[in-house]
Amino acid sequence: MKKFLTLALLLCAFGFTVQSAKAEEPFGYALFGEYSVPADFTIPGAKKSGKVGEATCKSVFFVKIGDCSITTAMANGKMSTVSYADWEKFSVLGIYNTKTLKVYGN
């Protein structure tokens, strides 16, 4: 029982102290996180338009799978210009992560 409590305490401490260096990831590697933030390359004052392109990448045990670049998102949305972009991120214990880039434009 003592080993179990020690392990649980260490996991909680890890989950709440490990933080990402990027400002757009406020939850770091906490127990569970799901959030959406504007991308750095969004034009100030731009509005979301009708055309949407998405690119998703995943990370399982720190092994990254997929391509979530802006060029892939533009190709998936069949667009030539981007006026607005945002990230949707989902994380469970920092072990399973998905990151989706949504771009809006023409």
PDB file of N, CA and C in Angstrom:
ATOM      1  N   MET A   1       0.819  -1.186   0.000  1.00  0.00           N
ATOM      2  CA  MET A   1       0.000   0.000   0.000  1.00  0.00           C
ATOM      3  C   MET A   1       0.868   1.257   0.000  1.00  0.00           C
ATOM      4  N   LYS A   2       1.965   1.181   0.730  1.00  0.00           N
ATOM      5  CA  LYS A   2       2.851   2.323   0.814  1.00  0.00           C
ATOM      6  C   LYS A   2       3.501   2.615  -0.546  1.00  0.00           C
ATOM      7  N   LYS A   3       3.865   1.561  -1.289  1.00  0.00           N
ATOM      8  CA  LYS A   3       4.459   1.732  -2.616  1.00  0.00           C
ATOM      9  C   LYS A   3       3.438   2.336  -3.579  1.00  0.00           C
ATOM     10  N   PHE A   4       2.194   1.893  -3.486  1.00  0.00           N
ATOM     11  CA  PHE A   4       1.137   2.417  -4.357  1.00  0.00           C
ATOM     12  C   PHE A   4       0.927   3.907  -4.112  1.00  0.00           C
ATOM     13  N   LEU A   5       0.873   4.325  -2.849  1.00  0.00           N
ATOM     14  CA  LEU A   5       0.682   5.735  -2.536  1.00  0.00           C
ATOM     15  C   LEU A   5       1.867   6.583  -2.993  1.00  0.00           C
ATOM     16  N   THR A   6       3.061   6.044  -2.849  1.00  0.00           N
ATOM     17  CA  THR A   6       4.252   6.754  -3.309  1.00  0.00           C
ATOM     18  C   THR A   6       4.216   6.928  -4.821  1.00  0.00           C
ATOM     19  N   LEU A   7       3.861   5.872  -5.537  1.00  0.00           N
ATOM     20  CA  LEU A   7       3.771   5.943  -6.991  1.00  0.00           C
ATOM     21  C   LEU A   7       2.691   6.936  -7.424  1.00  0.00           C
ATOM     22  N   ALA A   8       1.539   6.913  -6.773  1.00  0.00           N
ATOM     23  CA  ALA A   8       0.458   7.840  -7.107  1.00  0.00           C
ATOM     24  C   ALA A   8       0.892   9.280  -6.851  1.00  0.00           C
ATOM     25  N   LEU A   9       1.593   9.528  -5.765  1.00  0.00           N
ATOM     26  CA  LEU A   9       2.080  10.863  -5.451  1.00  0.00           C
ATOM     27  C   LEU A   9       3.086  11.335  -6.492  1.00  0.00           C
ATOM     28  N   LEU A  10       3.991  10.454  -6.912  1.00  0.00           N
ATOM     29  CA  LEU A  10       4.969  10.811  -7.934  1.00  0.00           C
ATOM     30  C   LEU A  10       4.302  11.117  -9.272  1.00  0.00           C
ATOM     31  N   LEU A  11       3.301  10.334  -9.647  1.00  0.00           N
ATOM     32  CA  LEU A  11       2.592  10.590 -10.902  1.00  0.00           C
ATOM     33  C   LEU A  11       1.862  11.926 -10.873  1.00  0.00           C
ATOM     34  N   CYS A  12       1.238  12.231  -9.760  1.00  0.00           N
ATOM     35  CA  CYS A  12       0.553  13.524  -9.628  1.00  0.00           C
ATOM     36  C   CYS A  12       1.555  14.673  -9.664  1.00  0.00           C
ATOM     37  N   ALA A  13       2.667  14.514  -8.980  1.00  0.00           N
ATOM     38  CA  ALA A  13       3.688  15.563  -8.982  1.00  0.00           C
ATOM     39  C   ALA A  13       4.240  15.767 -10.385  1.00  0.00           C
ATOM     40  N   PHE A  14       4.465  14.685 -11.119  1.00  0.00           N
ATOM     41  CA  PHE A  14       4.943  14.786 -12.491  1.00  0.00           C
ATOM     42  C   PHE A  14       3.918  15.494 -13.359  1.00  0.00           C
ATOM     43  N   GLY A  15       2.677  15.140 -13.214  1.00  0.00           N
ATOM     44  CA  GLY A  15       1.618  15.727 -14.036  1.00  0.00           C
ATOM     45  C   GLY A  15       1.433  17.205 -13.806  1.00  0.00           C
ATOM     46  N   PHE A  16       1.671  17.681 -12.608  1.00  0.00           N
ATOM     47  CA  PHE A  16       1.442  19.090 -12.325  1.00  0.00           C
ATOM     48  C   PHE A  16       2.696  19.948 -12.408  1.00  0.00           C
ATOM     49  N   THR A  17       3.873  19.348 -12.438  1.00  0.00           N
ATOM     50  CA  THR A  17       5.087  20.165 -12.483  1.00  0.00           C
ATOM     51  C   THR A  17       5.719  20.236 -13.859  1.00  0.00           C
ATOM     52  N   VAL A  18       5.537  19.224 -14.687  1.00  0.00           N
ATOM     53  CA  VAL A  18       6.131  19.255 -16.015  1.00  0.00           C
ATOM     54  C   VAL A  18       5.311  20.195 -16.880  1.00  0.00           C
ATOM     55  N   GLN A  19       5.916  21.234 -17.351  1.00  0.00           N
ATOM     56  CA  GLN A  19       5.223  22.214 -18.174  1.00  0.00           C
ATOM     57  C   GLN A  19       5.938  22.350 -19.505  1.00  0.00           C
ATOM     58  N   SER A  20       5.184  22.675 -20.503  1.00  0.00           N
ATOM     59  CA  SER A  20       5.738  22.886 -21.825  1.00  0.00           C
ATOM     60  C   SER A  20       6.357  24.275 -21.898  1.00  0.00           C
ATOM     61  N   ALA A  21       7.362  24.435 -22.733  1.00  0.00           N
ATOM     62  CA  ALA A  21       8.016  25.728 -22.875  1.00  0.00           C
ATOM     63  C   ALA A  21       7.207  26.688 -23.738  1.00  0.00           C
ATOM     64  N   LYS A  22       6.260  26.186 -24.503  1.00  0.00           N
ATOM     65  CA  LYS A  22       5.473  27.046 -25.383  1.00  0.00           C
ATOM     66  C   LYS A  22       4.330  27.702 -24.613  1.00  0.00           C
ATOM     67  N   ALA A  23       4.082  28.961 -24.922  1.00  0.00           N
ATOM     68  CA  ALA A  23       3.029  29.701 -24.232  1.00  0.00           C
ATOM     69  C   ALA A  23       1.639  29.220 -24.621  1.00  0.00           C
ATOM     70  N   GLU A  24       1.486  28.614 -25.820  1.00  0.00           N
ATOM     71  CA  GLU A  24       0.148  28.208 -26.235  1.00  0.00           C
ATOM     72  C   GLU A  24      -0.284  26.882 -25.631  1.00  0.00           C
ATOM     73  N   GLU A  25       0.516  26.283 -24.778  1.00  0.00           N
ATOM     74  CA  GLU A  25       0.163  25.028 -24.134  1.00  0.00           C
ATOM     75  C   GLU A  25       0.061  25.222 -22.631  1.00  0.00           C
ATOM     76  N   PRO A  26      -1.010  25.844 -22.150  1.00  0.00           N
ATOM     77  CA  PRO A  26      -1.093  26.173 -20.731  1.00  0.00           C
ATOM     78  C   PRO A  26      -1.223  24.976 -19.811  1.00  0.00           C
ATOM     79  N   PHE A  27      -1.704  23.847 -20.299  1.00  0.00           N
ATOM     80  CA  PHE A  27      -1.906  22.706 -19.418  1.00  0.00           C
ATOM     81  C   PHE A  27      -0.693  21.795 -19.323  1.00  0.00           C
ATOM     82  N   GLY A  28       0.298  21.993 -20.189  1.00  0.00           N
ATOM     83  CA  GLY A  28       1.481  21.153 -20.160  1.00  0.00           C
ATOM     84  C   GLY A  28       1.122  19.683 -20.293  1.00  0.00           C
ATOM     85  N   TYR A  29       1.646  18.874 -19.428  1.00  0.00           N
ATOM     86  CA  TYR A  29       1.373  17.438 -19.456  1.00  0.00           C
ATOM     87  C   TYR A  29       0.575  17.039 -18.223  1.00  0.00           C
ATOM     88  N   ALA A  30      -0.448  17.772 -17.915  1.00  0.00           N
ATOM     89  CA  ALA A  30      -1.308  17.444 -16.785  1.00  0.00           C
ATOM     90  C   ALA A  30      -2.081  16.167 -17.085  1.00  0.00           C
ATOM     91  N   LEU A  31      -2.933  15.757 -16.200  1.00  0.00           N
ATOM     92  CA  LEU A  31      -3.664  14.506 -16.367  1.00  0.00           C
ATOM     93  C   LEU A  31      -4.493  14.482 -17.637  1.00  0.00           C
ATOM     94  N   PHE A  32      -5.158  15.599 -17.949  1.00  0.00           N
ATOM     95  CA  PHE A  32      -6.004  15.661 -19.127  1.00  0.00           C
ATOM     96  C   PHE A  32      -6.069  17.108 -19.591  1.00  0.00           C
ATOM     97  N   GLY A  33      -5.956  17.335 -20.868  1.00  0.00           N
ATOM     98  CA  GLY A  33      -6.046  18.695 -21.379  1.00  0.00           C
ATOM     99  C   GLY A  33      -6.658  18.726 -22.759  1.00  0.00           C
ATOM    100  N   GLU A  34      -7.557  19.670 -22.982  1.00  0.00           N
ATOM    101  CA  GLU A  34      -8.156  19.861 -24.296  1.00  0.00           C
ATOM    102  C   GLU A  34      -8.416  21.350 -24.451  1.00  0.00           C
ATOM    103  N   TYR A  35      -7.830  21.959 -25.478  1.00  0.00           N
ATOM    104  CA  TYR A  35      -7.975  23.385 -25.643  1.00  0.00           C
ATOM    105  C   TYR A  35      -7.733  23.782 -27.085  1.00  0.00           C
ATOM    106  N   SER A  36      -8.132  24.997 -27.404  1.00  0.00           N
ATOM    107  CA  SER A  36      -7.967  25.559 -28.741  1.00  0.00           C
ATOM    108  C   SER A  36      -7.389  26.957 -28.602  1.00  0.00           C
ATOM    109  N   VAL A  37      -6.352  27.260 -29.388  1.00  0.00           N
ATOM    110  CA  VAL A  37      -5.701  28.562 -29.330  1.00  0.00           C
ATOM    111  C   VAL A  37      -5.399  29.040 -30.739  1.00  0.00           C
ATOM    112  N   PRO A  38      -5.349  30.361 -30.964  1.00  0.00           N
ATOM    113  CA  PRO A  38      -4.974  30.868 -32.282  1.00  0.00           C
ATOM    114  C   PRO A  38      -3.514  30.556 -32.577  1.00  0.00           C
ATOM    115  N   ALA A  39      -3.203  30.318 -33.831  1.00  0.00           N
ATOM    116  CA  ALA A  39      -1.820  30.050 -34.231  1.00  0.00           C
ATOM    117  C   ALA A  39      -1.032  31.353 -34.279  1.00  0.00           C
ATOM    118  N   ASP A  40       0.286  31.250 -34.207  1.00  0.00           N
ATOM    119  CA  ASP A  40       1.155  32.427 -34.193  1.00  0.00           C
ATOM    120  C   ASP A  40       1.090  33.223 -35.492  1.00  0.00           C
ATOM    121  N   PHE A  41       0.812  32.551 -36.605  1.00  0.00           N
ATOM    122  CA  PHE A  41       0.864  33.222 -37.904  1.00  0.00           C
ATOM    123  C   PHE A  41      -0.486  33.764 -38.357  1.00  0.00           C
ATOM    124  N   THR A  42      -1.444  33.909 -37.444  1.00  0.00           N
ATOM    125  CA  THR A  42      -2.753  34.471 -37.779  1.00  0.00           C
ATOM    126  C   THR A  42      -2.639  35.980 -37.984  1.00  0.00           C
ATOM    127  N   ILE A  43      -3.283  36.490 -39.027  1.00  0.00           N
ATOM    128  CA  ILE A  43      -3.283  37.924 -39.301  1.00  0.00           C
ATOM    129  C   ILE A  43      -4.157  38.609 -38.252  1.00  0.00           C
ATOM    130  N   PRO A  44      -3.646  39.658 -37.589  1.00  0.00           N
ATOM    131  CA  PRO A  44      -4.442  40.344 -36.565  1.00  0.00           C
ATOM    132  C   PRO A  44      -5.758  40.878 -37.143  1.00  0.00           C
ATOM    133  N   GLY A  45      -6.851  40.648 -36.465  1.00  0.00           N
ATOM    134  CA  GLY A  45      -8.160  41.121 -36.885  1.00  0.00           C
ATOM    135  C   GLY A  45      -8.827  40.263 -37.949  1.00  0.00           C
ATOM    136  N   ALA A  46      -8.204  39.161 -38.350  1.00  0.00           N
ATOM    137  CA  ALA A  46      -8.771  38.307 -39.397  1.00  0.00           C
ATOM    138  C   ALA A  46      -9.945  37.507 -38.854  1.00  0.00           C
ATOM    139  N   LYS A  47     -10.891  37.237 -39.711  1.00  0.00           N
ATOM    140  CA  LYS A  47     -12.078  36.458 -39.350  1.00  0.00           C
ATOM    141  C   LYS A  47     -11.994  35.073 -39.980  1.00  0.00           C
ATOM    142  N   LYS A  48     -12.674  34.118 -39.364  1.00  0.00           N
ATOM    143  CA  LYS A  48     -12.750  32.772 -39.922  1.00  0.00           C
ATOM    144  C   LYS A  48     -13.638  32.812 -41.159  1.00  0.00           C
ATOM    145  N   SER A  49     -13.152  32.266 -42.262  1.00  0.00           N
ATOM    146  CA  SER A  49     -13.925  32.270 -43.499  1.00  0.00           C
ATOM    147  C   SER A  49     -14.563  30.902 -43.726  1.00  0.00           C
ATOM    148  N   GLY A  50     -15.227  30.750 -44.869  1.00  0.00           N
ATOM    149  CA  GLY A  50     -15.974  29.532 -45.160  1.00  0.00           C
ATOM    150  C   GLY A  50     -15.121  28.311 -45.445  1.00  0.00           C
ATOM    151  N   LYS A  51     -13.980  28.476 -46.121  1.00  0.00           N
ATOM    152  CA  LYS A  51     -13.141  27.334 -46.451  1.00  0.00           C
ATOM    153  C   LYS A  51     -12.274  26.951 -45.259  1.00  0.00           C
ATOM    154  N   VAL A  52     -12.228  25.661 -44.964  1.00  0.00           N
ATOM    155  CA  VAL A  52     -11.446  25.165 -43.829  1.00  0.00           C
ATOM    156  C   VAL A  52     -10.575  24.005 -44.282  1.00  0.00           C
ATOM    157  N   GLY A  53      -9.337  24.007 -43.851  1.00  0.00           N
ATOM    158  CA  GLY A  53      -8.427  22.895 -44.095  1.00  0.00           C
ATOM    159  C   GLY A  53      -7.858  22.429 -42.773  1.00  0.00           C
ATOM    160  N   GLU A  54      -7.704  21.113 -42.621  1.00  0.00           N
ATOM    161  CA  GLU A  54      -7.188  20.557 -41.371  1.00  0.00           C
ATOM    162  C   GLU A  54      -6.009  19.639 -41.628  1.00  0.00           C
ATOM    163  N   ALA A  55      -5.095  19.623 -40.674  1.00  0.00           N
ATOM    164  CA  ALA A  55      -3.980  18.677 -40.675  1.00  0.00           C
ATOM    165  C   ALA A  55      -3.782  18.221 -39.238  1.00  0.00           C
ATOM    166  N   THR A  56      -3.708  16.907 -39.029  1.00  0.00           N
ATOM    167  CA  THR A  56      -3.619  16.351 -37.679  1.00  0.00           C
ATOM    168  C   THR A  56      -2.360  15.503 -37.536  1.00  0.00           C
ATOM    169  N   CYS A  57      -1.731  15.618 -36.382  1.00  0.00           N
ATOM    170  CA  CYS A  57      -0.624  14.728 -36.036  1.00  0.00           C
ATOM    171  C   CYS A  57      -0.853  14.219 -34.616  1.00  0.00           C
ATOM    172  N   LYS A  58      -0.307  13.044 -34.343  1.00  0.00           N
ATOM    173  CA  LYS A  58      -0.475  12.403 -33.037  1.00  0.00           C
ATOM    174  C   LYS A  58       0.880  12.076 -32.451  1.00  0.00           C
ATOM    175  N   SER A  59       0.901  11.902 -31.165  1.00  0.00           N
ATOM    176  CA  SER A  59       2.102  11.496 -30.460  1.00  0.00           C
ATOM    177  C   SER A  59       1.707  10.459 -29.412  1.00  0.00           C
ATOM    178  N   VAL A  60       2.302   9.287 -29.507  1.00  0.00           N
ATOM    179  CA  VAL A  60       2.048   8.213 -28.559  1.00  0.00           C
ATOM    180  C   VAL A  60       3.395   7.804 -27.968  1.00  0.00           C
ATOM    181  N   PHE A  61       3.527   7.929 -26.662  1.00  0.00           N
ATOM    182  CA  PHE A  61       4.787   7.650 -25.973  1.00  0.00           C
ATOM    183  C   PHE A  61       5.940   8.397 -26.634  1.00  0.00           C
ATOM    184  N   PHE A  62       5.708   9.672 -26.963  1.00  0.00           N
ATOM    185  CA  PHE A  62       6.696  10.586 -27.527  1.00  0.00           C
ATOM    186  C   PHE A  62       7.150  10.210 -28.936  1.00  0.00           C
ATOM    187  N   VAL A  63       6.431   9.321 -29.606  1.00  0.00           N
ATOM    188  CA  VAL A  63       6.688   8.999 -31.011  1.00  0.00           C
ATOM    189  C   VAL A  63       5.655   9.751 -31.835  1.00  0.00           C
ATOM    190  N   LYS A  64       6.125  10.669 -32.684  1.00  0.00           N
ATOM    191  CA  LYS A  64       5.214  11.517 -33.444  1.00  0.00           C
ATOM    192  C   LYS A  64       4.831  10.843 -34.754  1.00  0.00           C
ATOM    193  N   ILE A  65       3.534  10.935 -35.067  1.00  0.00           N
ATOM    194  CA  ILE A  65       2.982  10.314 -36.266  1.00  0.00           C
ATOM    195  C   ILE A  65       2.136  11.369 -36.976  1.00  0.00           C
ATOM    196  N   GLY A  66       2.367  11.566 -38.248  1.00  0.00           N
ATOM    197  CA  GLY A  66       1.535  12.478 -39.021  1.00  0.00           C
ATOM    198  C   GLY A  66       2.225  13.776 -39.367  1.00  0.00           C
ATOM    199  N   ASP A  67       1.517  14.588 -40.130  1.00  0.00           N
ATOM    200  CA  ASP A  67       2.023  15.865 -40.600  1.00  0.00           C
ATOM    201  C   ASP A  67       0.978  16.935 -40.311  1.00  0.00           C
ATOM    202  N   CYS A  68       1.278  17.850 -39.430  1.00  0.00           N
ATOM    203  CA  CYS A  68       0.315  18.911 -39.119  1.00  0.00           C
ATOM    204  C   CYS A  68       0.895  20.266 -39.510  1.00  0.00           C
ATOM    205  N   SER A  69       1.417  20.329 -40.740  1.00  0.00           N
ATOM    206  CA  SER A  69       1.981  21.580 -41.231  1.00  0.00           C
ATOM    207  C   SER A  69       0.911  22.417 -41.916  1.00  0.00           C
ATOM    208  N   ILE A  70       1.225  23.687 -42.093  1.00  0.00           N
ATOM    209  CA  ILE A  70       0.268  24.588 -42.729  1.00  0.00           C
ATOM    210  C   ILE A  70       0.064  24.222 -44.201  1.00  0.00           C
ATOM    211  N   THR A  71       1.112  23.745 -44.876  1.00  0.00           N
ATOM    212  CA  THR A  71       0.967  23.371 -46.288  1.00  0.00           C
ATOM    213  C   THR A  71       0.048  22.165 -46.448  1.00  0.00           C
ATOM    214  N   THR A  72       0.117  21.212 -45.531  1.00  0.00           N
ATOM    215  CA  THR A  72      -0.777  20.059 -45.578  1.00  0.00           C
ATOM    216  C   THR A  72      -2.215  20.485 -45.317  1.00  0.00           C
ATOM    217  N   ALA A  73      -2.417  21.365 -44.350  1.00  0.00           N
ATOM    218  CA  ALA A  73      -3.768  21.856 -44.052  1.00  0.00           C
ATOM    219  C   ALA A  73      -4.339  22.627 -45.238  1.00  0.00           C
ATOM    220  N   MET A  74      -3.514  23.434 -45.900  1.00  0.00           N
ATOM    221  CA  MET A  74      -3.975  24.170 -47.078  1.00  0.00           C
ATOM    222  C   MET A  74      -4.331  23.219 -48.211  1.00  0.00           C
ATOM    223  N   ALA A  75      -3.523  22.196 -48.403  1.00  0.00           N
ATOM    224  CA  ALA A  75      -3.812  21.221 -49.462  1.00  0.00           C
ATOM    225  C   ALA A  75      -5.102  20.454 -49.165  1.00  0.00           C
ATOM    226  N   ASN A  76      -5.326  20.091 -47.914  1.00  0.00           N
ATOM    227  CA  ASN A  76      -6.547  19.375 -47.541  1.00  0.00           C
ATOM    228  C   ASN A  76      -7.795  20.240 -47.708  1.00  0.00           C
ATOM    229  N   GLY A  77      -7.657  21.551 -47.554  1.00  0.00           N
ATOM    230  CA  GLY A  77      -8.787  22.460 -47.713  1.00  0.00           C
ATOM    231  C   GLY A  77      -8.896  23.042 -49.108  1.00  0.00           C
ATOM    232  N   LYS A  78      -7.961  22.666 -49.992  1.00  0.00           N
ATOM    233  CA  LYS A  78      -7.937  23.166 -51.375  1.00  0.00           C
ATOM    234  C   LYS A  78      -7.992  24.695 -51.409  1.00  0.00           C
ATOM    235  N   MET A  79      -7.052  25.327 -50.702  1.00  0.00           N
ATOM    236  CA  MET A  79      -7.010  26.783 -50.655  1.00  0.00           C
ATOM    237  C   MET A  79      -5.617  27.286 -51.001  1.00  0.00           C
ATOM    238  N   SER A  80      -5.555  28.548 -51.441  1.00  0.00           N
ATOM    239  CA  SER A  80      -4.278  29.135 -51.819  1.00  0.00           C
ATOM    240  C   SER A  80      -3.793  30.204 -50.845  1.00  0.00           C
ATOM    241  N   THR A  81      -4.718  30.820 -50.099  1.00  0.00           N
ATOM    242  CA  THR A  81      -4.336  31.823 -49.102  1.00  0.00           C
ATOM    243  C   THR A  81      -4.971  31.495 -47.764  1.00  0.00           C
ATOM    244  N   VAL A  82      -4.280  31.867 -46.712  1.00  0.00           N
ATOM    245  CA  VAL A  82      -4.765  31.620 -45.347  1.00  0.00           C
ATOM    246  C   VAL A  82      -4.874  32.957 -44.635  1.00  0.00           C
ATOM    247  N   SER A  83      -6.015  33.200 -43.999  1.00  0.00           N
ATOM    248  CA  SER A  83      -6.185  34.440 -43.241  1.00  0.00           C
ATOM    249  C   SER A  83      -6.256  34.195 -41.734  1.00  0.00           C
ATOM    250  N   TYR A  84      -6.630  32.989 -41.339  1.00  0.00           N
ATOM    251  CA  TYR A  84      -6.773  32.684 -39.912  1.00  0.00           C
ATOM    252  C   TYR A  84      -6.412  31.224 -39.685  1.00  0.00           C
ATOM    253  N   ALA A  85      -5.803  30.948 -38.555  1.00  0.00           N
ATOM    254  CA  ALA A  85      -5.451  29.564 -38.215  1.00  0.00           C
ATOM    255  C   ALA A  85      -5.525  29.382 -36.708  1.00  0.00           C
ATOM    256  N   ASP A  86      -5.897  28.188 -36.283  1.00  0.00           N
ATOM    257  CA  ASP A  86      -5.869  27.883 -34.858  1.00  0.00           C
ATOM    258  C   ASP A  86      -5.509  26.419 -34.630  1.00  0.00           C
ATOM    259  N   TRP A  87      -5.028  26.164 -33.423  1.00  0.00           N
ATOM    260  CA  TRP A  87      -4.632  24.820 -33.004  1.00  0.00           C
ATOM    261  C   TRP A  87      -5.692  24.254 -32.071  1.00  0.00           C
ATOM    262  N   GLU A  88      -6.000  22.976 -32.236  1.00  0.00           N
ATOM    263  CA  GLU A  88      -6.811  22.241 -31.266  1.00  0.00           C
ATOM    264  C   GLU A  88      -5.917  21.137 -30.727  1.00  0.00           C
ATOM    265  N   LYS A  89      -5.766  21.112 -29.425  1.00  0.00           N
ATOM    266  CA  LYS A  89      -4.852  20.151 -28.808  1.00  0.00           C
ATOM    267  C   LYS A  89      -5.576  19.320 -27.767  1.00  0.00           C
ATOM    268  N   PHE A  90      -5.170  18.061 -27.679  1.00  0.00           N
ATOM    269  CA  PHE A  90      -5.761  17.119 -26.739  1.00  0.00           C
ATOM    270  C   PHE A  90      -4.626  16.283 -26.165  1.00  0.00           C
ATOM    271  N   SER A  91      -4.608  16.103 -24.847  1.00  0.00           N
ATOM    272  CA  SER A  91      -3.528  15.355 -24.207  1.00  0.00           C
ATOM    273  C   SER A  91      -4.055  14.551 -23.026  1.00  0.00           C
ATOM    274  N   VAL A  92      -3.574  13.332 -22.906  1.00  0.00           N
ATOM    275  CA  VAL A  92      -3.865  12.495 -21.746  1.00  0.00           C
ATOM    276  C   VAL A  92      -2.528  12.063 -21.156  1.00  0.00           C
ATOM    277  N   LEU A  93      -2.219  12.588 -19.986  1.00  0.00           N
ATOM    278  CA  LEU A  93      -0.984  12.284 -19.252  1.00  0.00           C
ATOM    279  C   LEU A  93       0.288  12.590 -20.032  1.00  0.00           C
ATOM    280  N   GLY A  94       0.193  13.329 -21.127  1.00  0.00           N
ATOM    281  CA  GLY A  94       1.350  13.592 -21.949  1.00  0.00           C
ATOM    282  C   GLY A  94       1.814  12.376 -22.719  1.00  0.00           C
ATOM    283  N   ILE A  95       1.096  11.267 -22.593  1.00  0.00           N
ATOM    284  CA  ILE A  95       1.464  10.026 -23.275  1.00  0.00           C
ATOM    285  C   ILE A  95       0.777   9.944 -24.632  1.00  0.00           C
ATOM    286  N   TYR A  96      -0.506  10.298 -24.669  1.00  0.00           N
ATOM    287  CA  TYR A  96      -1.253  10.312 -25.923  1.00  0.00           C
ATOM    288  C   TYR A  96      -1.662  11.747 -26.211  1.00  0.00           C
ATOM    289  N   ASN A  97      -1.197  12.283 -27.331  1.00  0.00           N
ATOM    290  CA  ASN A  97      -1.475  13.663 -27.694  1.00  0.00           C
ATOM    291  C   ASN A  97      -1.940  13.735 -29.145  1.00  0.00           C
ATOM    292  N   THR A  98      -2.891  14.610 -29.418  1.00  0.00           N
ATOM    293  CA  THR A  98      -3.244  14.936 -30.797  1.00  0.00           C
ATOM    294  C   THR A  98      -3.195  16.447 -30.936  1.00  0.00           C
ATOM    295  N   LYS A  99      -2.755  16.887 -32.107  1.00  0.00           N
ATOM    296  CA  LYS A  99      -2.676  18.305 -32.401  1.00  0.00           C
ATOM    297  C   LYS A  99      -3.236  18.504 -33.800  1.00  0.00           C
ATOM    298  N   THR A 100      -4.257  19.357 -33.927  1.00  0.00           N
ATOM    299  CA  THR A 100      -4.884  19.620 -35.212  1.00  0.00           C
ATOM    300  C   THR A 100      -4.746  21.087 -35.551  1.00  0.00           C
ATOM    301  N   LEU A 101      -4.220  21.351 -36.734  1.00  0.00           N
ATOM    302  CA  LEU A 101      -4.120  22.709 -37.233  1.00  0.00           C
ATOM    303  C   LEU A 101      -5.283  22.953 -38.170  1.00  0.00           C
ATOM    304  N   LYS A 102      -6.096  23.958 -37.872  1.00  0.00           N
ATOM    305  CA  LYS A 102      -7.214  24.347 -38.738  1.00  0.00           C
ATOM    306  C   LYS A 102      -6.867  25.691 -39.354  1.00  0.00           C
ATOM    307  N   VAL A 103      -6.917  25.752 -40.691  1.00  0.00           N
ATOM    308  CA  VAL A 103      -6.662  26.993 -41.390  1.00  0.00           C
ATOM    309  C   VAL A 103      -7.919  27.428 -42.128  1.00  0.00           C
ATOM    310  N   TYR A 104      -8.144  28.716 -42.161  1.00  0.00           N
ATOM    311  CA  TYR A 104      -9.314  29.303 -42.811  1.00  0.00           C
ATOM    312  C   TYR A 104      -8.825  30.301 -43.851  1.00  0.00           C
ATOM    313  N   GLY A 105      -9.379  30.251 -45.037  1.00  0.00           N
ATOM    314  CA  GLY A 105      -8.967  31.184 -46.076  1.00  0.00           C
ATOM    315  C   GLY A 105      -9.689  30.940 -47.379  1.00  0.00           C
ATOM    316  N   ASN A 106      -9.039  31.323 -48.492  1.00  0.00           N
ATOM    317  CA  ASN A 106      -9.618  31.185 -49.837  1.00  0.00           C
ATOM    318  C   ASN A 106      -8.754  30.293 -50.707  1.00  0.00           C
TER     319      ASN A 106
END
